[in-house]
Amino acid sequence: MDSTRFRNVLVLNISLYINMDFSHLYELVKNYNWKTSTNSSLRNGKFRKGNESHNVGKVRLFRKGLPIVDGVKMKKNKYMIYNECERLFPKHEFTGIMINKNFKCPPHVDSGNEGEVIILGLGDYEGGELVYNGVAYDIRNKATTFVASEIEHYVKDFTGDRYSVVLFKHKTYNKK
């Protein structure tokens, strides 16, 4: 995709989501039962291991042959986060939701994703911009979209409590 066109789409999408109220999602994510990830076999596990980063989406580890899990059958707080994301973004097709707590994600490309992701920063923090194509974007209390499977991206240093919510679609979901 042409980078100029991509930036214009990004700016347009930021403005579409800028006046939304994310307070309920923030409370759900903040009160999530956070545990440090110990499984390095997870997607991108090499840099998620030892961090508080979890998939609370509809699809969990289906690559290993596990079933597609419906949102209402998930543990209560996961299902509430999933349903709140469906309410906030009803037109965005997603199968997974990564929630992260104080996780400074290193440079990477999400090769297992398809299409645009929505990313949103929540919390009381300074810094923590999303960087791609050499440009830093402030996502605090702003949801935006970009094609994470085509563009290397990462999170800048930050201070404070930073939560992020990423809605994405697994590339192989339709094959299941």
C-alpha atoms as a PDB file:
ATOM      1  CA  MET A   1       0.000   0.000   0.000  1.00  0.00           C
ATOM      2  CA  ASP A   2       1.263   3.475  -0.837  1.00  0.00           C
ATOM      3  CA  SER A   3       2.520   5.055   2.426  1.00  0.00           C
ATOM      4  CA  THR A   4       0.955   8.472   1.671  1.00  0.00           C
ATOM      5  CA  ARG A   5      -2.449   6.874   1.134  1.00  0.00           C
ATOM      6  CA  PHE A   6      -1.937   4.798   4.260  1.00  0.00           C
ATOM      7  CA  ARG A   7      -1.200   7.870   6.397  1.00  0.00           C
ATOM      8  CA  ASN A   8      -4.340   9.587   5.091  1.00  0.00           C
ATOM      9  CA  VAL A   9      -6.432   6.560   5.983  1.00  0.00           C
ATOM     10  CA  LEU A  10      -4.857   6.478   9.435  1.00  0.00           C
ATOM     11  CA  VAL A  11      -5.635  10.145  10.078  1.00  0.00           C
ATOM     12  CA  LEU A  12      -9.206   9.629   8.890  1.00  0.00           C
ATOM     13  CA  ASN A  13      -9.659   6.605  11.146  1.00  0.00           C
ATOM     14  CA  ILE A  14      -8.206   8.385  14.174  1.00  0.00           C
ATOM     15  CA  SER A  15     -10.779  11.117  13.719  1.00  0.00           C
ATOM     16  CA  LEU A  16     -13.570   8.524  13.445  1.00  0.00           C
ATOM     17  CA  TYR A  17     -12.702   7.066  16.854  1.00  0.00           C
ATOM     18  CA  ILE A  18     -11.430  10.147  18.701  1.00  0.00           C
ATOM     19  CA  ASN A  19     -14.673  11.198  20.437  1.00  0.00           C
ATOM     20  CA  MET A  20     -15.662   7.756  21.675  1.00  0.00           C
ATOM     21  CA  ASP A  21     -16.071   6.940  25.356  1.00  0.00           C
ATOM     22  CA  PHE A  22     -13.685   4.121  26.252  1.00  0.00           C
ATOM     23  CA  SER A  23     -14.161   4.397  30.042  1.00  0.00           C
ATOM     24  CA  HIS A  24     -16.051   1.110  30.438  1.00  0.00           C
ATOM     25  CA  LEU A  25     -13.471  -0.806  28.374  1.00  0.00           C
ATOM     26  CA  TYR A  26     -10.711   0.829  30.432  1.00  0.00           C
ATOM     27  CA  GLU A  27     -12.311  -0.340  33.695  1.00  0.00           C
ATOM     28  CA  LEU A  28     -12.702  -3.890  32.348  1.00  0.00           C
ATOM     29  CA  VAL A  29      -9.088  -4.047  31.171  1.00  0.00           C
ATOM     30  CA  LYS A  30      -7.701  -2.424  34.327  1.00  0.00           C
ATOM     31  CA  ASN A  31      -9.610  -4.914  36.514  1.00  0.00           C
ATOM     32  CA  TYR A  32      -8.668  -7.941  34.403  1.00  0.00           C
ATOM     33  CA  ASN A  33      -7.058 -10.817  36.325  1.00  0.00           C
ATOM     34  CA  TRP A  34      -3.536 -10.009  35.089  1.00  0.00           C
ATOM     35  CA  LYS A  35      -0.961 -12.784  35.186  1.00  0.00           C
ATOM     36  CA  THR A  36       2.489 -12.802  33.650  1.00  0.00           C
ATOM     37  CA  SER A  37       2.611 -14.935  30.512  1.00  0.00           C
ATOM     38  CA  THR A  38       4.864 -17.968  30.935  1.00  0.00           C
ATOM     39  CA  ASN A  39       4.098 -19.714  27.632  1.00  0.00           C
ATOM     40  CA  SER A  40       6.692 -18.973  24.966  1.00  0.00           C
ATOM     41  CA  SER A  41       4.868 -21.184  22.431  1.00  0.00           C
ATOM     42  CA  LEU A  42       2.206 -18.505  21.992  1.00  0.00           C
ATOM     43  CA  ARG A  43       2.224 -16.405  18.853  1.00  0.00           C
ATOM     44  CA  ASN A  44       5.061 -13.896  19.317  1.00  0.00           C
ATOM     45  CA  GLY A  45       5.760 -15.727  22.582  1.00  0.00           C
ATOM     46  CA  LYS A  46       9.454 -14.948  22.499  1.00  0.00           C
ATOM     47  CA  PHE A  47       8.740 -11.351  23.416  1.00  0.00           C
ATOM     48  CA  ARG A  48       5.423 -11.848  25.219  1.00  0.00           C
ATOM     49  CA  LYS A  49       6.890 -14.318  27.725  1.00  0.00           C
ATOM     50  CA  GLY A  50       7.424 -12.614  31.060  1.00  0.00           C
ATOM     51  CA  ASN A  51       4.969  -9.819  30.218  1.00  0.00           C
ATOM     52  CA  GLU A  52       1.325  -9.202  30.935  1.00  0.00           C
ATOM     53  CA  SER A  53      -0.106  -9.800  27.478  1.00  0.00           C
ATOM     54  CA  HIS A  54      -3.175 -11.969  26.810  1.00  0.00           C
ATOM     55  CA  ASN A  55      -5.553 -12.928  23.997  1.00  0.00           C
ATOM     56  CA  VAL A  56      -9.145 -12.494  25.146  1.00  0.00           C
ATOM     57  CA  GLY A  57     -10.705 -12.874  21.722  1.00  0.00           C
ATOM     58  CA  LYS A  58     -13.078 -15.404  20.263  1.00  0.00           C
ATOM     59  CA  VAL A  59     -10.322 -17.576  18.870  1.00  0.00           C
ATOM     60  CA  ARG A  60      -7.699 -19.038  21.185  1.00  0.00           C
ATOM     61  CA  LEU A  61      -4.808 -21.153  19.910  1.00  0.00           C
ATOM     62  CA  PHE A  62      -6.856 -22.640  17.091  1.00  0.00           C
ATOM     63  CA  ARG A  63      -3.582 -23.386  15.277  1.00  0.00           C
ATOM     64  CA  LYS A  64      -3.066 -26.204  17.753  1.00  0.00           C
ATOM     65  CA  GLY A  65      -6.423 -27.720  16.828  1.00  0.00           C
ATOM     66  CA  LEU A  66      -8.357 -26.281  19.743  1.00  0.00           C
ATOM     67  CA  PRO A  67     -11.946 -25.230  19.029  1.00  0.00           C
ATOM     68  CA  ILE A  68     -13.152 -21.758  18.221  1.00  0.00           C
ATOM     69  CA  VAL A  69     -14.544 -20.438  21.493  1.00  0.00           C
ATOM     70  CA  ASP A  70     -17.693 -18.317  21.490  1.00  0.00           C
ATOM     71  CA  GLY A  71     -17.474 -15.106  23.512  1.00  0.00           C
ATOM     72  CA  VAL A  72     -20.192 -16.086  26.005  1.00  0.00           C
ATOM     73  CA  LYS A  73     -18.362 -19.305  26.922  1.00  0.00           C
ATOM     74  CA  MET A  74     -15.152 -17.541  27.930  1.00  0.00           C
ATOM     75  CA  LYS A  75     -14.291 -16.677  31.500  1.00  0.00           C
ATOM     76  CA  LYS A  76     -16.425 -13.801  32.714  1.00  0.00           C
ATOM     77  CA  ASN A  77     -13.926 -10.921  32.460  1.00  0.00           C
ATOM     78  CA  LYS A  78     -12.653 -12.056  29.055  1.00  0.00           C
ATOM     79  CA  TYR A  79     -16.174 -12.285  27.685  1.00  0.00           C
ATOM     80  CA  MET A  80     -17.023  -8.828  29.028  1.00  0.00           C
ATOM     81  CA  ILE A  81     -13.973  -7.299  27.314  1.00  0.00           C
ATOM     82  CA  TYR A  82     -14.836  -9.069  24.067  1.00  0.00           C
ATOM     83  CA  ASN A  83     -18.461  -7.921  24.163  1.00  0.00           C
ATOM     84  CA  GLU A  84     -17.492  -4.343  24.982  1.00  0.00           C
ATOM     85  CA  CYS A  85     -15.170  -4.306  21.941  1.00  0.00           C
ATOM     86  CA  GLU A  86     -18.010  -5.640  19.782  1.00  0.00           C
ATOM     87  CA  ARG A  87     -20.244  -2.840  21.083  1.00  0.00           C
ATOM     88  CA  LEU A  88     -17.627  -0.132  20.473  1.00  0.00           C
ATOM     89  CA  PHE A  89     -16.522  -1.367  17.032  1.00  0.00           C
ATOM     90  CA  PRO A  90     -19.522  -3.191  15.498  1.00  0.00           C
ATOM     91  CA  LYS A  91     -18.336  -2.785  11.906  1.00  0.00           C
ATOM     92  CA  HIS A  92     -14.816  -4.108  12.472  1.00  0.00           C
ATOM     93  CA  GLU A  93     -14.415  -7.846  11.900  1.00  0.00           C
ATOM     94  CA  PHE A  94     -12.071  -9.371  14.480  1.00  0.00           C
ATOM     95  CA  THR A  95     -11.396 -12.806  15.950  1.00  0.00           C
ATOM     96  CA  GLY A  96      -8.820 -11.939  18.573  1.00  0.00           C
ATOM     97  CA  ILE A  97      -8.181  -9.214  21.102  1.00  0.00           C
ATOM     98  CA  MET A  98      -4.739  -8.768  22.622  1.00  0.00           C
ATOM     99  CA  ILE A  99      -4.744  -6.862  25.867  1.00  0.00           C
ATOM    100  CA  ASN A 100      -1.435  -5.667  27.240  1.00  0.00           C
ATOM    101  CA  LYS A 101      -0.443  -4.129  30.557  1.00  0.00           C
ATOM    102  CA  ASN A 102       2.737  -2.058  30.722  1.00  0.00           C
ATOM    103  CA  PHE A 103       4.160  -3.953  27.749  1.00  0.00           C
ATOM    104  CA  LYS A 104       6.733  -2.200  25.584  1.00  0.00           C
ATOM    105  CA  CYS A 105       6.338  -4.188  22.403  1.00  0.00           C
ATOM    106  CA  PRO A 106       9.552  -4.444  20.352  1.00  0.00           C
ATOM    107  CA  PRO A 107       9.659  -3.966  16.547  1.00  0.00           C
ATOM    108  CA  HIS A 108       7.666  -6.694  14.796  1.00  0.00           C
ATOM    109  CA  VAL A 109       5.202  -7.506  12.008  1.00  0.00           C
ATOM    110  CA  ASP A 110       2.049  -9.473  12.825  1.00  0.00           C
ATOM    111  CA  SER A 111       2.323 -12.028  10.029  1.00  0.00           C
ATOM    112  CA  GLY A 112      -0.622 -14.086  11.325  1.00  0.00           C
ATOM    113  CA  ASN A 113      -3.095 -11.202  10.967  1.00  0.00           C
ATOM    114  CA  GLU A 114      -5.343 -10.339   8.056  1.00  0.00           C
ATOM    115  CA  GLY A 115      -6.562  -6.847   7.238  1.00  0.00           C
ATOM    116  CA  GLU A 116      -6.560  -3.842   9.509  1.00  0.00           C
ATOM    117  CA  VAL A 117      -6.226  -3.990  13.270  1.00  0.00           C
ATOM    118  CA  ILE A 118      -7.704  -1.492  15.683  1.00  0.00           C
ATOM    119  CA  ILE A 119      -5.366  -0.405  18.472  1.00  0.00           C
ATOM    120  CA  LEU A 120      -6.228   1.712  21.471  1.00  0.00           C
ATOM    121  CA  GLY A 121      -4.114   2.960  24.374  1.00  0.00           C
ATOM    122  CA  LEU A 122      -5.691   3.355  27.818  1.00  0.00           C
ATOM    123  CA  GLY A 123      -4.438   4.428  31.221  1.00  0.00           C
ATOM    124  CA  ASP A 124      -2.509   7.105  33.045  1.00  0.00           C
ATOM    125  CA  TYR A 125       0.824   7.190  31.226  1.00  0.00           C
ATOM    126  CA  GLU A 126       3.217   9.462  29.365  1.00  0.00           C
ATOM    127  CA  GLY A 127       4.940   8.431  26.122  1.00  0.00           C
ATOM    128  CA  GLY A 128       4.147   4.963  24.781  1.00  0.00           C
ATOM    129  CA  GLU A 129       3.448   6.080  21.226  1.00  0.00           C
ATOM    130  CA  LEU A 130       2.883   3.507  18.495  1.00  0.00           C
ATOM    131  CA  VAL A 131       5.642   3.819  15.891  1.00  0.00           C
ATOM    132  CA  TYR A 132       5.525   2.656  12.291  1.00  0.00           C
ATOM    133  CA  ASN A 133       6.969   4.021   9.056  1.00  0.00           C
ATOM    134  CA  GLY A 134       9.259   6.106  11.268  1.00  0.00           C
ATOM    135  CA  VAL A 135       6.350   8.146  12.670  1.00  0.00           C
ATOM    136  CA  ALA A 136       5.164   8.076  16.307  1.00  0.00           C
ATOM    137  CA  TYR A 137       1.386   8.151  16.855  1.00  0.00           C
ATOM    138  CA  ASP A 138      -0.234   8.988  20.168  1.00  0.00           C
ATOM    139  CA  ILE A 139      -2.927   6.340  20.719  1.00  0.00           C
ATOM    140  CA  ARG A 140      -3.813   7.231  24.314  1.00  0.00           C
ATOM    141  CA  ASN A 141      -7.618   7.264  24.510  1.00  0.00           C
ATOM    142  CA  LYS A 142      -7.708   7.149  20.706  1.00  0.00           C
ATOM    143  CA  ALA A 143      -8.420   4.092  18.629  1.00  0.00           C
ATOM    144  CA  THR A 144      -6.817   3.847  15.230  1.00  0.00           C
ATOM    145  CA  THR A 145      -6.388   1.289  12.472  1.00  0.00           C
ATOM    146  CA  PHE A 146      -3.420   0.129  10.457  1.00  0.00           C
ATOM    147  CA  VAL A 147      -2.277  -2.998   8.637  1.00  0.00           C
ATOM    148  CA  ALA A 148      -0.078  -4.645  11.269  1.00  0.00           C
ATOM    149  CA  SER A 149       0.699  -7.608   9.001  1.00  0.00           C
ATOM    150  CA  GLU A 150       2.497  -5.391   6.475  1.00  0.00           C
ATOM    151  CA  ILE A 151       4.198  -2.715   8.567  1.00  0.00           C
ATOM    152  CA  GLU A 152       6.827  -3.154  11.259  1.00  0.00           C
ATOM    153  CA  HIS A 153       5.675  -1.377  14.397  1.00  0.00           C
ATOM    154  CA  TYR A 154       6.643  -1.009  18.050  1.00  0.00           C
ATOM    155  CA  VAL A 155       5.921   0.945  21.242  1.00  0.00           C
ATOM    156  CA  LYS A 156       8.119   3.771  22.512  1.00  0.00           C
ATOM    157  CA  ASP A 157       9.233   4.069  26.125  1.00  0.00           C
ATOM    158  CA  PHE A 158       6.614   5.203  28.606  1.00  0.00           C
ATOM    159  CA  THR A 159       6.054   5.901  32.282  1.00  0.00           C
ATOM    160  CA  GLY A 160       2.907   5.136  34.250  1.00  0.00           C
ATOM    161  CA  ASP A 161       0.271   2.456  33.744  1.00  0.00           C
ATOM    162  CA  ARG A 162      -0.274   1.798  30.038  1.00  0.00           C
ATOM    163  CA  TYR A 163      -2.853  -0.659  28.746  1.00  0.00           C
ATOM    164  CA  SER A 164      -3.388  -1.411  25.084  1.00  0.00           C
ATOM    165  CA  VAL A 165      -6.215  -3.219  23.331  1.00  0.00           C
ATOM    166  CA  VAL A 166      -5.631  -4.636  19.839  1.00  0.00           C
ATOM    167  CA  LEU A 167      -8.503  -6.084  17.788  1.00  0.00           C
ATOM    168  CA  PHE A 168      -7.331  -8.304  14.934  1.00  0.00           C
ATOM    169  CA  LYS A 169      -8.451 -11.050  12.590  1.00  0.00           C
ATOM    170  CA  HIS A 170      -6.456 -14.281  12.335  1.00  0.00           C
ATOM    171  CA  LYS A 171      -5.314 -14.890   8.762  1.00  0.00           C
ATOM    172  CA  THR A 172      -6.429 -18.537   8.792  1.00  0.00           C
ATOM    173  CA  TYR A 173      -9.730 -18.007  10.670  1.00  0.00           C
ATOM    174  CA  ASN A 174     -11.927 -18.515   7.579  1.00  0.00           C
ATOM    175  CA  LYS A 175     -10.173 -21.822   6.847  1.00  0.00           C
ATOM    176  CA  LYS A 176     -11.382 -23.218  10.181  1.00  0.00           C
END
